[in-house]
Structures are given as structure tokens and as C-alpha cells.
mmCIF file of all heavy atoms, coordinates in Angstrom:
data_MODEL
# 
_entry.id   MODEL 
# 
loop_
_atom_site.group_PDB 
_atom_site.id 
_atom_site.type_symbol 
_atom_site.label_atom_id 
_atom_site.label_alt_id 
_atom_site.label_comp_id 
_atom_site.label_asym_id 
_atom_site.label_entity_id 
_atom_site.label_seq_id 
_atom_site.pdbx_PDB_ins_code 
_atom_site.Cartn_x 
_atom_site.Cartn_y 
_atom_site.Cartn_z 
_atom_site.occupancy 
_atom_site.B_iso_or_equiv 
_atom_site.pdbx_formal_charge 
_atom_site.auth_seq_id 
_atom_site.auth_comp_id 
_atom_site.auth_asym_id 
_atom_site.auth_atom_id 
_atom_site.pdbx_PDB_model_num 
ATOM 1   N N   . LEU A 1 1  ? 104.761 107.514 133.762 1.00 0.00 ? 1  LEU A N   1 
ATOM 2   C CA  . LEU A 1 1  ? 104.448 107.581 132.337 1.00 0.00 ? 1  LEU A CA  1 
ATOM 3   C C   . LEU A 1 1  ? 103.393 106.546 131.950 1.00 0.00 ? 1  LEU A C   1 
ATOM 4   O O   . LEU A 1 1  ? 102.480 106.836 131.157 1.00 0.00 ? 1  LEU A O   1 
ATOM 5   C CB  . LEU A 1 1  ? 105.720 107.390 131.503 1.00 0.00 ? 1  LEU A CB  1 
ATOM 6   C CG  . LEU A 1 1  ? 105.558 107.513 129.995 1.00 0.00 ? 1  LEU A CG  1 
ATOM 7   C CD1 . LEU A 1 1  ? 105.051 108.904 129.608 1.00 0.00 ? 1  LEU A CD1 1 
ATOM 8   C CD2 . LEU A 1 1  ? 106.873 107.224 129.302 1.00 0.00 ? 1  LEU A CD2 1 
ATOM 9   N N   . LEU A 1 2  ? 103.471 105.361 132.509 1.00 0.00 ? 2  LEU A N   1 
ATOM 10  C CA  . LEU A 1 2  ? 102.508 104.308 132.208 1.00 0.00 ? 2  LEU A CA  1 
ATOM 11  C C   . LEU A 1 2  ? 101.103 104.693 132.687 1.00 0.00 ? 2  LEU A C   1 
ATOM 12  O O   . LEU A 1 2  ? 100.118 104.515 131.960 1.00 0.00 ? 2  LEU A O   1 
ATOM 13  C CB  . LEU A 1 2  ? 102.942 102.981 132.837 1.00 0.00 ? 2  LEU A CB  1 
ATOM 14  C CG  . LEU A 1 2  ? 102.085 101.769 132.516 1.00 0.00 ? 2  LEU A CG  1 
ATOM 15  C CD1 . LEU A 1 2  ? 102.040 101.493 131.011 1.00 0.00 ? 2  LEU A CD1 1 
ATOM 16  C CD2 . LEU A 1 2  ? 102.618 100.546 133.248 1.00 0.00 ? 2  LEU A CD2 1 
ATOM 17  N N   . VAL A 1 3  ? 101.005 105.266 133.877 1.00 0.00 ? 3  VAL A N   1 
ATOM 18  C CA  . VAL A 1 3  ? 99.688  105.659 134.397 1.00 0.00 ? 3  VAL A CA  1 
ATOM 19  C C   . VAL A 1 3  ? 99.151  106.862 133.614 1.00 0.00 ? 3  VAL A C   1 
ATOM 20  O O   . VAL A 1 3  ? 97.962  106.909 133.293 1.00 0.00 ? 3  VAL A O   1 
ATOM 21  C CB  . VAL A 1 3  ? 99.737  105.934 135.914 1.00 0.00 ? 3  VAL A CB  1 
ATOM 22  C CG1 . VAL A 1 3  ? 98.353  106.303 136.439 1.00 0.00 ? 3  VAL A CG1 1 
ATOM 23  C CG2 . VAL A 1 3  ? 100.260 104.719 136.679 1.00 0.00 ? 3  VAL A CG2 1 
ATOM 24  N N   . VAL A 1 4  ? 100.007 107.819 133.287 1.00 0.00 ? 4  VAL A N   1 
ATOM 25  C CA  . VAL A 1 4  ? 99.574  108.960 132.471 1.00 0.00 ? 4  VAL A CA  1 
ATOM 26  C C   . VAL A 1 4  ? 99.044  108.465 131.124 1.00 0.00 ? 4  VAL A C   1 
ATOM 27  O O   . VAL A 1 4  ? 97.970  108.888 130.668 1.00 0.00 ? 4  VAL A O   1 
ATOM 28  C CB  . VAL A 1 4  ? 100.720 109.990 132.269 1.00 0.00 ? 4  VAL A CB  1 
ATOM 29  C CG1 . VAL A 1 4  ? 100.361 111.008 131.198 1.00 0.00 ? 4  VAL A CG1 1 
ATOM 30  C CG2 . VAL A 1 4  ? 101.047 110.693 133.582 1.00 0.00 ? 4  VAL A CG2 1 
ATOM 31  N N   . THR A 1 5  ? 99.778  107.569 130.496 1.00 0.00 ? 5  THR A N   1 
ATOM 32  C CA  . THR A 1 5  ? 99.359  107.025 129.199 1.00 0.00 ? 5  THR A CA  1 
ATOM 33  C C   . THR A 1 5  ? 98.015  106.311 129.315 1.00 0.00 ? 5  THR A C   1 
ATOM 34  O O   . THR A 1 5  ? 97.138  106.472 128.460 1.00 0.00 ? 5  THR A O   1 
ATOM 35  C CB  . THR A 1 5  ? 100.438 106.067 128.649 1.00 0.00 ? 5  THR A CB  1 
ATOM 36  O OG1 . THR A 1 5  ? 101.664 106.783 128.534 1.00 0.00 ? 5  THR A OG1 1 
ATOM 37  C CG2 . THR A 1 5  ? 100.045 105.502 127.302 1.00 0.00 ? 5  THR A CG2 1 
ATOM 38  N N   . THR A 1 6  ? 97.833  105.551 130.372 1.00 0.00 ? 6  THR A N   1 
ATOM 39  C CA  . THR A 1 6  ? 96.566  104.847 130.595 1.00 0.00 ? 6  THR A CA  1 
ATOM 40  C C   . THR A 1 6  ? 95.424  105.842 130.750 1.00 0.00 ? 6  THR A C   1 
ATOM 41  O O   . THR A 1 6  ? 94.356  105.673 130.141 1.00 0.00 ? 6  THR A O   1 
ATOM 42  C CB  . THR A 1 6  ? 96.663  103.940 131.832 1.00 0.00 ? 6  THR A CB  1 
ATOM 43  O OG1 . THR A 1 6  ? 97.714  102.993 131.626 1.00 0.00 ? 6  THR A OG1 1 
ATOM 44  C CG2 . THR A 1 6  ? 95.356  103.221 132.101 1.00 0.00 ? 6  THR A CG2 1 
ATOM 45  N N   . CYS A 1 7  ? 95.634  106.881 131.544 1.00 0.00 ? 7  CYS A N   1 
ATOM 46  C CA  . CYS A 1 7  ? 94.595  107.897 131.749 1.00 0.00 ? 7  CYS A CA  1 
ATOM 47  C C   . CYS A 1 7  ? 94.266  108.612 130.437 1.00 0.00 ? 7  CYS A C   1 
ATOM 48  O O   . CYS A 1 7  ? 93.089  108.843 130.125 1.00 0.00 ? 7  CYS A O   1 
ATOM 49  C CB  . CYS A 1 7  ? 95.028  108.898 132.813 1.00 0.00 ? 7  CYS A CB  1 
ATOM 50  S SG  . CYS A 1 7  ? 95.071  108.205 134.483 1.00 0.00 ? 7  CYS A SG  1 
ATOM 51  N N   . LEU A 1 8  ? 95.289  108.965 129.680 1.00 0.00 ? 8  LEU A N   1 
ATOM 52  C CA  . LEU A 1 8  ? 95.055  109.628 128.394 1.00 0.00 ? 8  LEU A CA  1 
ATOM 53  C C   . LEU A 1 8  ? 94.327  108.705 127.418 1.00 0.00 ? 8  LEU A C   1 
ATOM 54  O O   . LEU A 1 8  ? 93.485  109.166 126.641 1.00 0.00 ? 8  LEU A O   1 
ATOM 55  C CB  . LEU A 1 8  ? 96.364  110.128 127.792 1.00 0.00 ? 8  LEU A CB  1 
ATOM 56  C CG  . LEU A 1 8  ? 96.983  111.339 128.476 1.00 0.00 ? 8  LEU A CG  1 
ATOM 57  C CD1 . LEU A 1 8  ? 98.390  111.599 127.946 1.00 0.00 ? 8  LEU A CD1 1 
ATOM 58  C CD2 . LEU A 1 8  ? 96.104  112.573 128.308 1.00 0.00 ? 8  LEU A CD2 1 
ATOM 59  N N   . LEU A 1 9  ? 94.629  107.413 127.462 1.00 0.00 ? 9  LEU A N   1 
ATOM 60  C CA  . LEU A 1 9  ? 93.937  106.456 126.604 1.00 0.00 ? 9  LEU A CA  1 
ATOM 61  C C   . LEU A 1 9  ? 92.451  106.379 126.972 1.00 0.00 ? 9  LEU A C   1 
ATOM 62  O O   . LEU A 1 9  ? 91.587  106.364 126.088 1.00 0.00 ? 9  LEU A O   1 
ATOM 63  C CB  . LEU A 1 9  ? 94.586  105.072 126.709 1.00 0.00 ? 9  LEU A CB  1 
ATOM 64  C CG  . LEU A 1 9  ? 93.966  103.978 125.840 1.00 0.00 ? 9  LEU A CG  1 
ATOM 65  C CD1 . LEU A 1 9  ? 94.062  104.329 124.350 1.00 0.00 ? 9  LEU A CD1 1 
ATOM 66  C CD2 . LEU A 1 9  ? 94.655  102.653 126.118 1.00 0.00 ? 9  LEU A CD2 1 
ATOM 67  N N   . VAL A 1 10 ? 92.160  106.358 128.258 1.00 0.00 ? 10 VAL A N   1 
ATOM 68  C CA  . VAL A 1 10 ? 90.760  106.368 128.710 1.00 0.00 ? 10 VAL A CA  1 
ATOM 69  C C   . VAL A 1 10 ? 90.074  107.641 128.211 1.00 0.00 ? 10 VAL A C   1 
ATOM 70  O O   . VAL A 1 10 ? 88.949  107.599 127.709 1.00 0.00 ? 10 VAL A O   1 
ATOM 71  C CB  . VAL A 1 10 ? 90.665  106.239 130.241 1.00 0.00 ? 10 VAL A CB  1 
ATOM 72  C CG1 . VAL A 1 10 ? 89.257  106.557 130.744 1.00 0.00 ? 10 VAL A CG1 1 
ATOM 73  C CG2 . VAL A 1 10 ? 91.088  104.840 130.680 1.00 0.00 ? 10 VAL A CG2 1 
ATOM 74  N N   . GLY A 1 11 ? 90.767  108.767 128.326 1.00 0.00 ? 11 GLY A N   1 
ATOM 75  C CA  . GLY A 1 11 ? 90.217  110.025 127.831 1.00 0.00 ? 11 GLY A CA  1 
ATOM 76  C C   . GLY A 1 11 ? 89.985  110.012 126.333 1.00 0.00 ? 11 GLY A C   1 
ATOM 77  O O   . GLY A 1 11 ? 88.957  110.490 125.844 1.00 0.00 ? 11 GLY A O   1 
ATOM 78  N N   . PHE A 1 12 ? 90.916  109.448 125.602 1.00 0.00 ? 12 PHE A N   1 
ATOM 79  C CA  . PHE A 1 12 ? 90.793  109.356 124.148 1.00 0.00 ? 12 PHE A CA  1 
ATOM 80  C C   . PHE A 1 12 ? 89.589  108.506 123.760 1.00 0.00 ? 12 PHE A C   1 
ATOM 81  O O   . PHE A 1 12 ? 88.793  108.886 122.892 1.00 0.00 ? 12 PHE A O   1 
ATOM 82  C CB  . PHE A 1 12 ? 92.076  108.779 123.548 1.00 0.00 ? 12 PHE A CB  1 
ATOM 83  C CG  . PHE A 1 12 ? 91.990  108.505 122.079 1.00 0.00 ? 12 PHE A CG  1 
ATOM 84  C CD1 . PHE A 1 12 ? 92.085  109.547 121.160 1.00 0.00 ? 12 PHE A CD1 1 
ATOM 85  C CD2 . PHE A 1 12 ? 91.796  107.218 121.605 1.00 0.00 ? 12 PHE A CD2 1 
ATOM 86  C CE1 . PHE A 1 12 ? 91.998  109.306 119.796 1.00 0.00 ? 12 PHE A CE1 1 
ATOM 87  C CE2 . PHE A 1 12 ? 91.705  106.956 120.246 1.00 0.00 ? 12 PHE A CE2 1 
ATOM 88  C CZ  . PHE A 1 12 ? 91.804  108.005 119.335 1.00 0.00 ? 12 PHE A CZ  1 
ATOM 89  N N   . LEU A 1 13 ? 89.448  107.362 124.410 1.00 0.00 ? 13 LEU A N   1 
ATOM 90  C CA  . LEU A 1 13 ? 88.327  106.475 124.112 1.00 0.00 ? 13 LEU A CA  1 
ATOM 91  C C   . LEU A 1 13 ? 86.995  107.120 124.496 1.00 0.00 ? 13 LEU A C   1 
ATOM 92  O O   . LEU A 1 13 ? 86.000  106.981 123.772 1.00 0.00 ? 13 LEU A O   1 
ATOM 93  C CB  . LEU A 1 13 ? 88.509  105.122 124.809 1.00 0.00 ? 13 LEU A CB  1 
ATOM 94  C CG  . LEU A 1 13 ? 89.701  104.305 124.322 1.00 0.00 ? 13 LEU A CG  1 
ATOM 95  C CD1 . LEU A 1 13 ? 89.891  103.053 125.166 1.00 0.00 ? 13 LEU A CD1 1 
ATOM 96  C CD2 . LEU A 1 13 ? 89.570  103.949 122.848 1.00 0.00 ? 13 LEU A CD2 1 
ATOM 97  N N   . SER A 1 14 ? 86.981  107.833 125.602 1.00 0.00 ? 14 SER A N   1 
ATOM 98  C CA  . SER A 1 14 ? 85.772  108.567 125.997 1.00 0.00 ? 14 SER A CA  1 
ATOM 99  C C   . SER A 1 14 ? 85.444  109.631 124.965 1.00 0.00 ? 14 SER A C   1 
ATOM 100 O O   . SER A 1 14 ? 84.270  109.865 124.652 1.00 0.00 ? 14 SER A O   1 
ATOM 101 C CB  . SER A 1 14 ? 85.964  109.224 127.372 1.00 0.00 ? 14 SER A CB  1 
ATOM 102 O OG  . SER A 1 14 ? 86.153  108.254 128.359 1.00 0.00 ? 14 SER A OG  1 
ATOM 103 N N   . GLY A 1 15 ? 86.457  110.277 124.444 1.00 0.00 ? 15 GLY A N   1 
ATOM 104 C CA  . GLY A 1 15 ? 86.255  111.289 123.416 1.00 0.00 ? 15 GLY A CA  1 
ATOM 105 C C   . GLY A 1 15 ? 85.656  110.711 122.156 1.00 0.00 ? 15 GLY A C   1 
ATOM 106 O O   . GLY A 1 15 ? 84.856  111.365 121.481 1.00 0.00 ? 15 GLY A O   1 
ATOM 107 N N   . LYS A 1 16 ? 86.032  109.489 121.834 1.00 0.00 ? 16 LYS A N   1 
ATOM 108 C CA  . LYS A 1 16 ? 85.468  108.825 120.662 1.00 0.00 ? 16 LYS A CA  1 
ATOM 109 C C   . LYS A 1 16 ? 83.952  108.640 120.814 1.00 0.00 ? 16 LYS A C   1 
ATOM 110 O O   . LYS A 1 16 ? 83.210  108.770 119.845 1.00 0.00 ? 16 LYS A O   1 
ATOM 111 C CB  . LYS A 1 16 ? 86.135  107.469 120.417 1.00 0.00 ? 16 LYS A CB  1 
ATOM 112 C CG  . LYS A 1 16 ? 87.534  107.576 119.890 1.00 0.00 ? 16 LYS A CG  1 
ATOM 113 C CD  . LYS A 1 16 ? 87.484  108.136 118.488 1.00 0.00 ? 16 LYS A CD  1 
ATOM 114 C CE  . LYS A 1 16 ? 88.826  108.096 117.821 1.00 0.00 ? 16 LYS A CE  1 
ATOM 115 N NZ  . LYS A 1 16 ? 88.826  108.820 116.558 1.00 0.00 ? 16 LYS A NZ  1 
ATOM 116 N N   . VAL A 1 17 ? 83.521  108.342 122.040 1.00 0.00 ? 17 VAL A N   1 
ATOM 117 C CA  . VAL A 1 17 ? 82.090  108.162 122.307 1.00 0.00 ? 17 VAL A CA  1 
ATOM 118 C C   . VAL A 1 17 ? 81.341  109.485 122.133 1.00 0.00 ? 17 VAL A C   1 
ATOM 119 O O   . VAL A 1 17 ? 80.213  109.503 121.658 1.00 0.00 ? 17 VAL A O   1 
ATOM 120 C CB  . VAL A 1 17 ? 81.875  107.616 123.744 1.00 0.00 ? 17 VAL A CB  1 
ATOM 121 C CG1 . VAL A 1 17 ? 80.406  107.616 124.131 1.00 0.00 ? 17 VAL A CG1 1 
ATOM 122 C CG2 . VAL A 1 17 ? 82.462  106.221 123.877 1.00 0.00 ? 17 VAL A CG2 1 
ATOM 123 N N   . THR A 1 18 ? 81.988  110.575 122.476 1.00 0.00 ? 18 THR A N   1 
ATOM 124 C CA  . THR A 1 18 ? 81.309  111.875 122.445 1.00 0.00 ? 18 THR A CA  1 
ATOM 125 C C   . THR A 1 18 ? 81.311  112.526 121.068 1.00 0.00 ? 18 THR A C   1 
ATOM 126 O O   . THR A 1 18 ? 80.458  113.354 120.780 1.00 0.00 ? 18 THR A O   1 
ATOM 127 C CB  . THR A 1 18 ? 81.944  112.860 123.437 1.00 0.00 ? 18 THR A CB  1 
ATOM 128 O OG1 . THR A 1 18 ? 83.268  113.177 123.013 1.00 0.00 ? 18 THR A OG1 1 
ATOM 129 C CG2 . THR A 1 18 ? 81.978  112.317 124.837 1.00 0.00 ? 18 THR A CG2 1 
ATOM 130 N N   . GLN A 1 19 ? 82.258  112.175 120.210 1.00 0.00 ? 19 GLN A N   1 
ATOM 131 C CA  . GLN A 1 19 ? 82.469  112.896 118.951 1.00 0.00 ? 19 GLN A CA  1 
ATOM 132 C C   . GLN A 1 19 ? 81.214  113.095 118.119 1.00 0.00 ? 19 GLN A C   1 
ATOM 133 O O   . GLN A 1 19 ? 80.914  114.213 117.704 1.00 0.00 ? 19 GLN A O   1 
ATOM 134 C CB  . GLN A 1 19 ? 83.530  112.195 118.102 1.00 0.00 ? 19 GLN A CB  1 
ATOM 135 C CG  . GLN A 1 19 ? 84.903  112.731 118.328 1.00 0.00 ? 19 GLN A CG  1 
ATOM 136 C CD  . GLN A 1 19 ? 85.930  112.032 117.454 1.00 0.00 ? 19 GLN A CD  1 
ATOM 137 O OE1 . GLN A 1 19 ? 85.752  110.895 117.036 1.00 0.00 ? 19 GLN A OE1 1 
ATOM 138 N NE2 . GLN A 1 19 ? 87.015  112.719 117.191 1.00 0.00 ? 19 GLN A NE2 1 
ATOM 139 N N   . GLN A 1 20 ? 80.484  112.055 117.838 1.00 0.00 ? 20 GLN A N   1 
ATOM 140 C CA  . GLN A 1 20 ? 79.318  112.185 116.971 1.00 0.00 ? 20 GLN A CA  1 
ATOM 141 C C   . GLN A 1 20 ? 78.228  113.023 117.639 1.00 0.00 ? 20 GLN A C   1 
ATOM 142 O O   . GLN A 1 20 ? 77.615  113.876 117.000 1.00 0.00 ? 20 GLN A O   1 
ATOM 143 C CB  . GLN A 1 20 ? 78.764  110.822 116.582 1.00 0.00 ? 20 GLN A CB  1 
ATOM 144 C CG  . GLN A 1 20 ? 77.600  110.938 115.614 1.00 0.00 ? 20 GLN A CG  1 
ATOM 145 C CD  . GLN A 1 20 ? 77.067  109.591 115.174 1.00 0.00 ? 20 GLN A CD  1 
ATOM 146 O OE1 . GLN A 1 20 ? 77.578  108.558 115.566 1.00 0.00 ? 20 GLN A OE1 1 
ATOM 147 N NE2 . GLN A 1 20 ? 76.030  109.615 114.364 1.00 0.00 ? 20 GLN A NE2 1 
ATOM 148 N N   . SER A 1 21 ? 78.009  112.816 118.929 1.00 0.00 ? 21 SER A N   1 
ATOM 149 C CA  . SER A 1 21 ? 76.950  113.541 119.629 1.00 0.00 ? 21 SER A CA  1 
ATOM 150 C C   . SER A 1 21 ? 77.231  115.031 119.758 1.00 0.00 ? 21 SER A C   1 
ATOM 151 O O   . SER A 1 21 ? 76.305  115.826 119.866 1.00 0.00 ? 21 SER A O   1 
ATOM 152 C CB  . SER A 1 21 ? 76.732  112.942 121.021 1.00 0.00 ? 21 SER A CB  1 
ATOM 153 O OG  . SER A 1 21 ? 76.145  111.666 120.905 1.00 0.00 ? 21 SER A OG  1 
ATOM 154 N N   . ILE A 1 22 ? 78.495  115.407 119.745 1.00 0.00 ? 22 ILE A N   1 
ATOM 155 C CA  . ILE A 1 22 ? 78.851  116.827 119.864 1.00 0.00 ? 22 ILE A CA  1 
ATOM 156 C C   . ILE A 1 22 ? 78.304  117.626 118.683 1.00 0.00 ? 22 ILE A C   1 
ATOM 157 O O   . ILE A 1 22 ? 77.950  118.789 118.832 1.00 0.00 ? 22 ILE A O   1 
ATOM 158 C CB  . ILE A 1 22 ? 80.390  116.988 119.966 1.00 0.00 ? 22 ILE A CB  1 
ATOM 159 C CG1 . ILE A 1 22 ? 80.871  116.507 121.327 1.00 0.00 ? 22 ILE A CG1 1 
ATOM 160 C CG2 . ILE A 1 22 ? 80.834  118.420 119.738 1.00 0.00 ? 22 ILE A CG2 1 
ATOM 161 C CD1 . ILE A 1 22 ? 80.426  117.329 122.503 1.00 0.00 ? 22 ILE A CD1 1 
ATOM 162 N N   . THR A 1 23 ? 78.228  117.010 117.532 1.00 0.00 ? 23 THR A N   1 
ATOM 163 C CA  . THR A 1 23 ? 77.746  117.731 116.343 1.00 0.00 ? 23 THR A CA  1 
ATOM 164 C C   . THR A 1 23 ? 76.288  117.427 116.002 1.00 0.00 ? 23 THR A C   1 
ATOM 165 O O   . THR A 1 23 ? 75.707  118.123 115.174 1.00 0.00 ? 23 THR A O   1 
ATOM 166 C CB  . THR A 1 23 ? 78.622  117.397 115.115 1.00 0.00 ? 23 THR A CB  1 
ATOM 167 O OG1 . THR A 1 23 ? 78.600  115.986 114.905 1.00 0.00 ? 23 THR A OG1 1 
ATOM 168 C CG2 . THR A 1 23 ? 80.048  117.882 115.321 1.00 0.00 ? 23 THR A CG2 1 
ATOM 169 N N   . THR A 1 24 ? 75.712  116.400 116.637 1.00 0.00 ? 24 THR A N   1 
ATOM 170 C CA  . THR A 1 24 ? 74.331  116.040 116.281 1.00 0.00 ? 24 THR A CA  1 
ATOM 171 C C   . THR A 1 24 ? 73.367  116.288 117.435 1.00 0.00 ? 24 THR A C   1 
ATOM 172 O O   . THR A 1 24 ? 72.556  117.197 117.400 1.00 0.00 ? 24 THR A O   1 
ATOM 173 C CB  . THR A 1 24 ? 74.258  114.568 115.834 1.00 0.00 ? 24 THR A CB  1 
ATOM 174 O OG1 . THR A 1 24 ? 74.776  113.731 116.871 1.00 0.00 ? 24 THR A OG1 1 
ATOM 175 C CG2 . THR A 1 24 ? 75.035  114.342 114.549 1.00 0.00 ? 24 THR A CG2 1 
ATOM 176 N N   . TRP A 1 25 ? 73.469  115.519 118.494 1.00 0.00 ? 25 TRP A N   1 
ATOM 177 C CA  . TRP A 1 25 ? 72.516  115.567 119.607 1.00 0.00 ? 25 TRP A CA  1 
ATOM 178 C C   . TRP A 1 25 ? 72.776  116.737 120.563 1.00 0.00 ? 25 TRP A C   1 
ATOM 179 O O   . TRP A 1 25 ? 71.859  117.465 120.923 1.00 0.00 ? 25 TRP A O   1 
ATOM 180 C CB  . TRP A 1 25 ? 72.571  114.228 120.363 1.00 0.00 ? 25 TRP A CB  1 
ATOM 181 C CG  . TRP A 1 25 ? 71.795  114.199 121.624 1.00 0.00 ? 25 TRP A CG  1 
ATOM 182 C CD1 . TRP A 1 25 ? 70.431  114.152 121.738 1.00 0.00 ? 25 TRP A CD1 1 
ATOM 183 C CD2 . TRP A 1 25 ? 72.313  114.207 122.953 1.00 0.00 ? 25 TRP A CD2 1 
ATOM 184 N NE1 . TRP A 1 25 ? 70.078  114.136 123.065 1.00 0.00 ? 25 TRP A NE1 1 
ATOM 185 C CE2 . TRP A 1 25 ? 71.221  114.167 123.826 1.00 0.00 ? 25 TRP A CE2 1 
ATOM 186 C CE3 . TRP A 1 25 ? 73.600  114.248 123.492 1.00 0.00 ? 25 TRP A CE3 1 
ATOM 187 C CZ2 . TRP A 1 25 ? 71.364  114.161 125.214 1.00 0.00 ? 25 TRP A CZ2 1 
ATOM 188 C CZ3 . TRP A 1 25 ? 73.747  114.241 124.855 1.00 0.00 ? 25 TRP A CZ3 1 
ATOM 189 C CH2 . TRP A 1 25 ? 72.641  114.200 125.704 1.00 0.00 ? 25 TRP A CH2 1 
ATOM 190 N N   . TYR A 1 26 ? 74.023  116.915 120.976 1.00 0.00 ? 26 TYR A N   1 
ATOM 191 C CA  . TYR A 1 26 ? 74.361  117.912 121.993 1.00 0.00 ? 26 TYR A CA  1 
ATOM 192 C C   . TYR A 1 26 ? 73.933  119.333 121.607 1.00 0.00 ? 26 TYR A C   1 
ATOM 193 O O   . TYR A 1 26 ? 73.409  120.054 122.455 1.00 0.00 ? 26 TYR A O   1 
ATOM 194 C CB  . TYR A 1 26 ? 75.862  117.841 122.308 1.00 0.00 ? 26 TYR A CB  1 
ATOM 195 C CG  . TYR A 1 26 ? 76.299  118.652 123.494 1.00 0.00 ? 26 TYR A CG  1 
ATOM 196 C CD1 . TYR A 1 26 ? 75.896  118.317 124.783 1.00 0.00 ? 26 TYR A CD1 1 
ATOM 197 C CD2 . TYR A 1 26 ? 77.129  119.755 123.338 1.00 0.00 ? 26 TYR A CD2 1 
ATOM 198 C CE1 . TYR A 1 26 ? 76.317  119.053 125.875 1.00 0.00 ? 26 TYR A CE1 1 
ATOM 199 C CE2 . TYR A 1 26 ? 77.552  120.498 124.420 1.00 0.00 ? 26 TYR A CE2 1 
ATOM 200 C CZ  . TYR A 1 26 ? 77.138  120.141 125.694 1.00 0.00 ? 26 TYR A CZ  1 
ATOM 201 O OH  . TYR A 1 26 ? 77.539  120.876 126.767 1.00 0.00 ? 26 TYR A OH  1 
ATOM 202 N N   . PRO A 1 27 ? 74.085  119.767 120.369 1.00 0.00 ? 27 PRO A N   1 
ATOM 203 C CA  . PRO A 1 27 ? 73.644  121.124 120.001 1.00 0.00 ? 27 PRO A CA  1 
ATOM 204 C C   . PRO A 1 27 ? 72.133  121.338 120.140 1.00 0.00 ? 27 PRO A C   1 
ATOM 205 O O   . PRO A 1 27 ? 71.683  122.476 120.245 1.00 0.00 ? 27 PRO A O   1 
ATOM 206 C CB  . PRO A 1 27 ? 74.074  121.272 118.535 1.00 0.00 ? 27 PRO A CB  1 
ATOM 207 C CG  . PRO A 1 27 ? 75.161  120.289 118.354 1.00 0.00 ? 27 PRO A CG  1 
ATOM 208 C CD  . PRO A 1 27 ? 74.818  119.139 119.270 1.00 0.00 ? 27 PRO A CD  1 
ATOM 209 N N   . THR A 1 28 ? 71.363  120.263 120.159 1.00 0.00 ? 28 THR A N   1 
ATOM 210 C CA  . THR A 1 28 ? 69.909  120.401 120.270 1.00 0.00 ? 28 THR A CA  1 
ATOM 211 C C   . THR A 1 28 ? 69.451  120.621 121.711 1.00 0.00 ? 28 THR A C   1 
ATOM 212 O O   . THR A 1 28 ? 68.293  120.960 121.935 1.00 0.00 ? 28 THR A O   1 
ATOM 213 C CB  . THR A 1 28 ? 69.185  119.160 119.703 1.00 0.00 ? 28 THR A CB  1 
ATOM 214 O OG1 . THR A 1 28 ? 69.441  118.029 120.549 1.00 0.00 ? 28 THR A OG1 1 
ATOM 215 C CG2 . THR A 1 28 ? 69.621  118.878 118.268 1.00 0.00 ? 28 THR A CG2 1 
# 
């Protein structure tokens, strides 16, 4: 559970980096 939570946290933080670009830069 601890390792799963850590991996999901890394994924969540990575998702935060991508959020703005998904609607602005990436569509271009």
C-alpha cells in the first residue's frame, strides 16, 4: 500500500505538470 500510494502520488504530481499544457500547448 505504501509503494502504491507513492507511485500514485508521483503520477498525481506529474499530472499537475501536464494539466495546463493539455489545454493550451498540446492541442497545437
